[in-house]
PDB file of N, CA and C in Angstrom:
ATOM      1  N   UNK A   1      21.646 -42.575  11.873  1.00  0.00           N
ATOM      2  CA  UNK A   1      22.003 -42.270  10.543  1.00  0.00           C
ATOM      3  C   UNK A   1      23.541 -42.504  10.258  1.00  0.00           C
ATOM      4  N   UNK A   2      24.008 -43.237  11.095  1.00  0.00           N
ATOM      5  CA  UNK A   2      25.426 -43.627  10.978  1.00  0.00           C
ATOM      6  C   UNK A   2      25.791 -44.242   9.622  1.00  0.00           C
ATOM      7  N   UNK A   3      26.925 -43.844   9.138  1.00  0.00           N
ATOM      8  CA  UNK A   3      27.391 -44.287   7.679  1.00  0.00           C
ATOM      9  C   UNK A   3      26.729 -43.563   6.701  1.00  0.00           C
ATOM     10  N   UNK A   4      25.939 -42.691   6.708  1.00  0.00           N
ATOM     11  CA  UNK A   4      25.275 -41.924   5.693  1.00  0.00           C
ATOM     12  C   UNK A   4      25.947 -40.542   5.612  1.00  0.00           C
ATOM     13  N   UNK A   5      26.131 -40.045   4.390  1.00  0.00           N
ATOM     14  CA  UNK A   5      26.580 -38.692   4.261  1.00  0.00           C
ATOM     15  C   UNK A   5      25.605 -37.641   4.954  1.00  0.00           C
ATOM     16  N   UNK A   6      26.175 -36.402   5.334  1.00  0.00           N
ATOM     17  CA  UNK A   6      25.160 -35.506   5.991  1.00  0.00           C
ATOM     18  C   UNK A   6      24.366 -34.965   5.053  1.00  0.00           C
ATOM     19  N   UNK A   7      24.578 -34.863   3.708  1.00  0.00           N
ATOM     20  CA  UNK A   7      23.769 -34.119   2.745  1.00  0.00           C
ATOM     21  C   UNK A   7      23.223 -35.122   1.768  1.00  0.00           C
ATOM     22  N   UNK A   8      21.912 -35.041   1.489  1.00  0.00           N
ATOM     23  CA  UNK A   8      21.186 -35.862   0.552  1.00  0.00           C
ATOM     24  C   UNK A   8      20.427 -34.947  -0.325  1.00  0.00           C
ATOM     25  N   UNK A   9      20.701 -35.312  -1.773  1.00  0.00           N
ATOM     26  CA  UNK A   9      20.101 -34.482  -2.703  1.00  0.00           C
ATOM     27  C   UNK A   9      18.989 -35.499  -3.361  1.00  0.00           C
ATOM     28  N   UNK A  10      17.824 -35.324  -3.359  1.00  0.00           N
ATOM     29  CA  UNK A  10      16.859 -36.147  -3.807  1.00  0.00           C
ATOM     30  C   UNK A  10      16.434 -36.061  -5.321  1.00  0.00           C
ATOM     31  N   UNK A  11      15.835 -37.014  -5.847  1.00  0.00           N
ATOM     32  CA  UNK A  11      15.676 -37.050  -7.391  1.00  0.00           C
ATOM     33  C   UNK A  11      14.916 -35.950  -7.751  1.00  0.00           C
ATOM     34  N   UNK A  12      15.010 -35.417  -9.095  1.00  0.00           N
ATOM     35  CA  UNK A  12      14.283 -34.366  -9.434  1.00  0.00           C
ATOM     36  C   UNK A  12      12.746 -34.516  -9.542  1.00  0.00           C
ATOM     37  N   UNK A  13      12.178 -33.511  -9.051  1.00  0.00           N
ATOM     38  CA  UNK A  13      10.676 -33.382  -9.154  1.00  0.00           C
ATOM     39  C   UNK A  13      10.273 -33.134 -10.719  1.00  0.00           C
ATOM     40  N   UNK A  14       8.986 -33.207 -10.977  1.00  0.00           N
ATOM     41  CA  UNK A  14       8.539 -32.871 -12.200  1.00  0.00           C
ATOM     42  C   UNK A  14       8.779 -31.482 -12.828  1.00  0.00           C
ATOM     43  N   UNK A  15       9.011 -30.556 -11.891  1.00  0.00           N
ATOM     44  CA  UNK A  15       9.549 -29.228 -12.210  1.00  0.00           C
ATOM     45  C   UNK A  15      10.960 -29.118 -12.415  1.00  0.00           C
ATOM     46  N   UNK A  16      11.790 -30.117 -12.075  1.00  0.00           N
ATOM     47  CA  UNK A  16      13.147 -30.108 -12.194  1.00  0.00           C
ATOM     48  C   UNK A  16      13.954 -29.842 -10.766  1.00  0.00           C
ATOM     49  N   UNK A  17      13.260 -29.448  -9.808  1.00  0.00           N
ATOM     50  CA  UNK A  17      13.912 -28.945  -8.611  1.00  0.00           C
ATOM     51  C   UNK A  17      14.242 -30.287  -7.795  1.00  0.00           C
ATOM     52  N   UNK A  18      15.280 -30.258  -7.024  1.00  0.00           N
ATOM     53  CA  UNK A  18      15.736 -31.482  -6.145  1.00  0.00           C
ATOM     54  C   UNK A  18      15.798 -30.956  -4.740  1.00  0.00           C
ATOM     55  N   UNK A  19      15.128 -31.638  -3.854  1.00  0.00           N
ATOM     56  CA  UNK A  19      15.157 -31.384  -2.440  1.00  0.00           C
ATOM     57  C   UNK A  19      16.486 -31.724  -1.852  1.00  0.00           C
ATOM     58  N   UNK A  20      16.929 -30.800  -1.136  1.00  0.00           N
ATOM     59  CA  UNK A  20      18.137 -31.006  -0.434  1.00  0.00           C
ATOM     60  C   UNK A  20      18.019 -30.981   1.142  1.00  0.00           C
ATOM     61  N   UNK A  21      18.583 -32.020   1.782  1.00  0.00           N
ATOM     62  CA  UNK A  21      18.664 -32.044   3.187  1.00  0.00           C
ATOM     63  C   UNK A  21      19.977 -31.997   3.833  1.00  0.00           C
ATOM     64  N   UNK A  22      20.144 -31.481   4.827  1.00  0.00           N
ATOM     65  CA  UNK A  22      21.366 -31.518   5.622  1.00  0.00           C
ATOM     66  C   UNK A  22      21.067 -32.009   7.002  1.00  0.00           C
ATOM     67  N   UNK A  23      21.706 -33.113   7.328  1.00  0.00           N
ATOM     68  CA  UNK A  23      21.546 -33.840   8.760  1.00  0.00           C
ATOM     69  C   UNK A  23      20.108 -33.965   8.978  1.00  0.00           C
ATOM     70  N   UNK A  24      19.288 -34.489   7.858  1.00  0.00           N
ATOM     71  CA  UNK A  24      17.842 -34.720   8.084  1.00  0.00           C
ATOM     72  C   UNK A  24      17.009 -33.530   7.930  1.00  0.00           C
ATOM     73  N   UNK A  25      17.527 -32.316   7.901  1.00  0.00           N
ATOM     74  CA  UNK A  25      16.679 -31.198   7.875  1.00  0.00           C
ATOM     75  C   UNK A  25      16.543 -30.712   6.302  1.00  0.00           C
ATOM     76  N   UNK A  26      15.372 -30.375   5.745  1.00  0.00           N
ATOM     77  CA  UNK A  26      15.299 -29.808   4.470  1.00  0.00           C
ATOM     78  C   UNK A  26      15.804 -28.462   4.523  1.00  0.00           C
ATOM     79  N   UNK A  27      16.794 -28.152   3.587  1.00  0.00           N
ATOM     80  CA  UNK A  27      17.371 -26.788   3.445  1.00  0.00           C
ATOM     81  C   UNK A  27      16.871 -26.079   2.272  1.00  0.00           C
ATOM     82  N   UNK A  28      16.132 -26.771   1.405  1.00  0.00           N
ATOM     83  CA  UNK A  28      15.610 -26.056   0.282  1.00  0.00           C
ATOM     84  C   UNK A  28      15.533 -26.916  -0.998  1.00  0.00           C
ATOM     85  N   UNK A  29      14.963 -26.362  -2.013  1.00  0.00           N
ATOM     86  CA  UNK A  29      14.871 -26.926  -3.348  1.00  0.00           C
ATOM     87  C   UNK A  29      15.949 -26.411  -4.279  1.00  0.00           C
ATOM     88  N   UNK A  30      16.808 -27.180  -4.939  1.00  0.00           N
ATOM     89  CA  UNK A  30      17.834 -26.756  -5.826  1.00  0.00           C
ATOM     90  C   UNK A  30      17.397 -26.977  -7.296  1.00  0.00           C
ATOM     91  N   UNK A  31      17.610 -25.983  -8.157  1.00  0.00           N
ATOM     92  CA  UNK A  31      17.493 -26.191  -9.598  1.00  0.00           C
ATOM     93  C   UNK A  31      18.787 -26.404 -10.337  1.00  0.00           C
ATOM     94  N   UNK A  32      19.898 -26.426  -9.564  1.00  0.00           N
ATOM     95  CA  UNK A  32      21.186 -26.703 -10.236  1.00  0.00           C
ATOM     96  C   UNK A  32      22.307 -26.752  -9.129  1.00  0.00           C
ATOM     97  N   UNK A  33      23.500 -27.121  -9.673  1.00  0.00           N
ATOM     98  CA  UNK A  33      24.642 -27.331  -8.791  1.00  0.00           C
ATOM     99  C   UNK A  33      24.970 -26.049  -7.942  1.00  0.00           C
ATOM    100  N   UNK A  34      24.747 -24.865  -8.427  1.00  0.00           N
ATOM    101  CA  UNK A  34      25.127 -23.710  -7.797  1.00  0.00           C
ATOM    102  C   UNK A  34      24.217 -23.472  -6.553  1.00  0.00           C
ATOM    103  N   UNK A  35      22.989 -23.887  -6.653  1.00  0.00           N
ATOM    104  CA  UNK A  35      22.132 -23.742  -5.595  1.00  0.00           C
ATOM    105  C   UNK A  35      22.491 -24.816  -4.436  1.00  0.00           C
ATOM    106  N   UNK A  36      22.841 -26.026  -4.843  1.00  0.00           N
ATOM    107  CA  UNK A  36      23.345 -26.964  -3.979  1.00  0.00           C
ATOM    108  C   UNK A  36      24.542 -26.472  -3.107  1.00  0.00           C
ATOM    109  N   UNK A  37      25.348 -25.878  -3.820  1.00  0.00           N
ATOM    110  CA  UNK A  37      26.711 -25.376  -3.190  1.00  0.00           C
ATOM    111  C   UNK A  37      26.392 -24.181  -2.340  1.00  0.00           C
ATOM    112  N   UNK A  38      25.321 -23.460  -2.625  1.00  0.00           N
ATOM    113  CA  UNK A  38      24.992 -22.329  -1.712  1.00  0.00           C
ATOM    114  C   UNK A  38      24.302 -22.866  -0.535  1.00  0.00           C
ATOM    115  N   UNK A  39      23.614 -23.753  -0.531  1.00  0.00           N
ATOM    116  CA  UNK A  39      22.914 -24.525   0.692  1.00  0.00           C
ATOM    117  C   UNK A  39      24.062 -25.091   1.606  1.00  0.00           C
ATOM    118  N   UNK A  40      25.076 -25.626   1.068  1.00  0.00           N
ATOM    119  CA  UNK A  40      26.111 -26.083   1.767  1.00  0.00           C
ATOM    120  C   UNK A  40      26.887 -25.025   2.361  1.00  0.00           C
ATOM    121  N   UNK A  41      27.251 -24.007   1.735  1.00  0.00           N
ATOM    122  CA  UNK A  41      27.814 -22.738   2.351  1.00  0.00           C
ATOM    123  C   UNK A  41      27.010 -22.240   3.563  1.00  0.00           C
ATOM    124  N   UNK A  42      25.890 -22.162   3.369  1.00  0.00           N
ATOM    125  CA  UNK A  42      24.924 -21.640   4.555  1.00  0.00           C
ATOM    126  C   UNK A  42      24.948 -22.611   5.583  1.00  0.00           C
ATOM    127  N   UNK A  43      25.110 -23.839   5.349  1.00  0.00           N
ATOM    128  CA  UNK A  43      25.089 -24.948   6.446  1.00  0.00           C
ATOM    129  C   UNK A  43      26.461 -24.989   7.044  1.00  0.00           C
ATOM    130  N   UNK A  44      27.310 -24.317   6.621  1.00  0.00           N
ATOM    131  CA  UNK A  44      28.778 -24.271   7.240  1.00  0.00           C
ATOM    132  C   UNK A  44      29.845 -25.232   6.647  1.00  0.00           C
ATOM    133  N   UNK A  45      29.588 -25.790   5.519  1.00  0.00           N
ATOM    134  CA  UNK A  45      30.513 -26.693   4.978  1.00  0.00           C
ATOM    135  C   UNK A  45      31.696 -26.089   4.180  1.00  0.00           C
ATOM    136  N   UNK A  46      31.401 -24.754   3.887  1.00  0.00           N
ATOM    137  CA  UNK A  46      32.647 -24.007   3.382  1.00  0.00           C
ATOM    138  C   UNK A  46      32.367 -22.443   3.635  1.00  0.00           C
ATOM    139  N   UNK A  47      33.469 -21.736   3.468  1.00  0.00           N
ATOM    140  CA  UNK A  47      33.302 -20.287   3.959  1.00  0.00           C
ATOM    141  C   UNK A  47      33.475 -19.495   2.716  1.00  0.00           C
ATOM    142  N   UNK A  48      32.678 -18.296   2.682  1.00  0.00           N
ATOM    143  CA  UNK A  48      32.812 -17.359   1.507  1.00  0.00           C
ATOM    144  C   UNK A  48      32.690 -17.953   0.178  1.00  0.00           C
ATOM    145  N   UNK A  49      33.731 -17.602  -0.749  1.00  0.00           N
ATOM    146  CA  UNK A  49      33.704 -18.165  -2.038  1.00  0.00           C
ATOM    147  C   UNK A  49      34.541 -19.442  -2.165  1.00  0.00           C
ATOM    148  N   UNK A  50      34.820 -20.030  -1.086  1.00  0.00           N
ATOM    149  CA  UNK A  50      35.579 -21.363  -1.252  1.00  0.00           C
ATOM    150  C   UNK A  50      34.866 -22.494  -1.985  1.00  0.00           C
ATOM    151  N   UNK A  51      35.660 -23.023  -2.807  1.00  0.00           N
ATOM    152  CA  UNK A  51      34.976 -24.081  -3.768  1.00  0.00           C
ATOM    153  C   UNK A  51      34.468 -25.228  -2.929  1.00  0.00           C
ATOM    154  N   UNK A  52      33.437 -25.847  -3.387  1.00  0.00           N
ATOM    155  CA  UNK A  52      32.789 -26.983  -2.660  1.00  0.00           C
ATOM    156  C   UNK A  52      32.888 -28.056  -3.731  1.00  0.00           C
ATOM    157  N   UNK A  53      33.466 -29.181  -3.386  1.00  0.00           N
ATOM    158  CA  UNK A  53      33.431 -30.336  -4.352  1.00  0.00           C
ATOM    159  C   UNK A  53      32.201 -31.194  -4.075  1.00  0.00           C
ATOM    160  N   UNK A  54      31.274 -31.089  -5.153  1.00  0.00           N
ATOM    161  CA  UNK A  54      29.901 -31.724  -4.964  1.00  0.00           C
ATOM    162  C   UNK A  54      29.947 -33.153  -5.362  1.00  0.00           C
ATOM    163  N   UNK A  55      31.118 -33.720  -5.685  1.00  0.00           N
ATOM    164  CA  UNK A  55      31.344 -35.092  -6.122  1.00  0.00           C
ATOM    165  C   UNK A  55      32.050 -35.889  -5.005  1.00  0.00           C
ATOM    166  N   UNK A  56      31.688 -35.611  -3.661  1.00  0.00           N
ATOM    167  CA  UNK A  56      32.364 -36.307  -2.587  1.00  0.00           C
ATOM    168  C   UNK A  56      31.243 -37.308  -1.859  1.00  0.00           C
ATOM    169  N   UNK A  57      31.364 -38.509  -2.156  1.00  0.00           N
ATOM    170  CA  UNK A  57      30.390 -39.374  -1.672  1.00  0.00           C
ATOM    171  C   UNK A  57      30.221 -39.376  -0.128  1.00  0.00           C
ATOM    172  N   UNK A  58      31.385 -39.087   0.653  1.00  0.00           N
ATOM    173  CA  UNK A  58      31.294 -39.017   2.068  1.00  0.00           C
ATOM    174  C   UNK A  58      30.596 -37.724   2.523  1.00  0.00           C
ATOM    175  N   UNK A  59      30.298 -36.693   1.643  1.00  0.00           N
ATOM    176  CA  UNK A  59      29.544 -35.510   1.946  1.00  0.00           C
ATOM    177  C   UNK A  59      28.127 -35.593   1.415  1.00  0.00           C
ATOM    178  N   UNK A  60      28.047 -35.974   0.235  1.00  0.00           N
ATOM    179  CA  UNK A  60      26.666 -35.820  -0.498  1.00  0.00           C
ATOM    180  C   UNK A  60      26.167 -37.123  -1.107  1.00  0.00           C
ATOM    181  N   UNK A  61      25.065 -37.539  -0.855  1.00  0.00           N
ATOM    182  CA  UNK A  61      24.460 -38.717  -1.554  1.00  0.00           C
ATOM    183  C   UNK A  61      23.482 -38.094  -2.635  1.00  0.00           C
ATOM    184  N   UNK A  62      23.754 -38.510  -3.861  1.00  0.00           N
ATOM    185  CA  UNK A  62      22.787 -37.939  -4.940  1.00  0.00           C
ATOM    186  C   UNK A  62      21.866 -39.160  -5.186  1.00  0.00           C
ATOM    187  N   UNK A  63      20.640 -38.923  -5.028  1.00  0.00           N
ATOM    188  CA  UNK A  63      19.611 -39.964  -5.255  1.00  0.00           C
ATOM    189  C   UNK A  63      18.897 -39.612  -6.535  1.00  0.00           C
ATOM    190  N   UNK A  64      18.627 -40.687  -7.315  1.00  0.00           N
ATOM    191  CA  UNK A  64      17.785 -40.484  -8.568  1.00  0.00           C
ATOM    192  C   UNK A  64      18.696 -39.866  -9.631  1.00  0.00           C
ATOM    193  N   UNK A  65      19.962 -39.958  -9.624  1.00  0.00           N
ATOM    194  CA  UNK A  65      20.852 -39.379 -10.595  1.00  0.00           C
ATOM    195  C   UNK A  65      22.139 -38.624  -9.929  1.00  0.00           C
ATOM    196  N   UNK A  66      23.088 -38.194 -10.625  1.00  0.00           N
ATOM    197  CA  UNK A  66      24.192 -37.598 -10.145  1.00  0.00           C
ATOM    198  C   UNK A  66      23.990 -35.977 -10.201  1.00  0.00           C
ATOM    199  N   UNK A  67      25.048 -35.470  -9.935  1.00  0.00           N
ATOM    200  CA  UNK A  67      25.186 -34.003  -9.905  1.00  0.00           C
ATOM    201  C   UNK A  67      24.941 -33.263 -11.273  1.00  0.00           C
ATOM    202  N   UNK A  68      24.840 -34.130 -12.264  1.00  0.00           N
ATOM    203  CA  UNK A  68      24.619 -33.636 -13.677  1.00  0.00           C
ATOM    204  C   UNK A  68      23.127 -33.947 -14.037  1.00  0.00           C
ATOM    205  N   UNK A  69      22.329 -34.530 -13.126  1.00  0.00           N
ATOM    206  CA  UNK A  69      20.978 -34.933 -13.398  1.00  0.00           C
ATOM    207  C   UNK A  69      19.922 -33.765 -13.000  1.00  0.00           C
ATOM    208  N   UNK A  70      19.466 -33.193 -13.913  1.00  0.00           N
ATOM    209  CA  UNK A  70      18.437 -32.003 -13.732  1.00  0.00           C
ATOM    210  C   UNK A  70      17.456 -32.113 -14.862  1.00  0.00           C
ATOM    211  N   UNK A  71      16.245 -31.656 -14.629  1.00  0.00           N
ATOM    212  CA  UNK A  71      15.297 -31.756 -15.616  1.00  0.00           C
ATOM    213  C   UNK A  71      15.003 -30.234 -16.188  1.00  0.00           C
TER     214      UNK A  71
END
């Protein structure tokens, strides 16, 4: 997986949820940016209330739309 960011957010499902993986492992279904940030905190990408920049291509690959694409 060299050259790929560690976090992938997949295209929205018909229900609007987006699958999120960290280093190839599914960590959950997100229904918005806040849930993506929460998954990243739990995975150790930030501590406590530390702000996470979800628009970092070296950290997150957004497939099927960007961080503003939700159904």
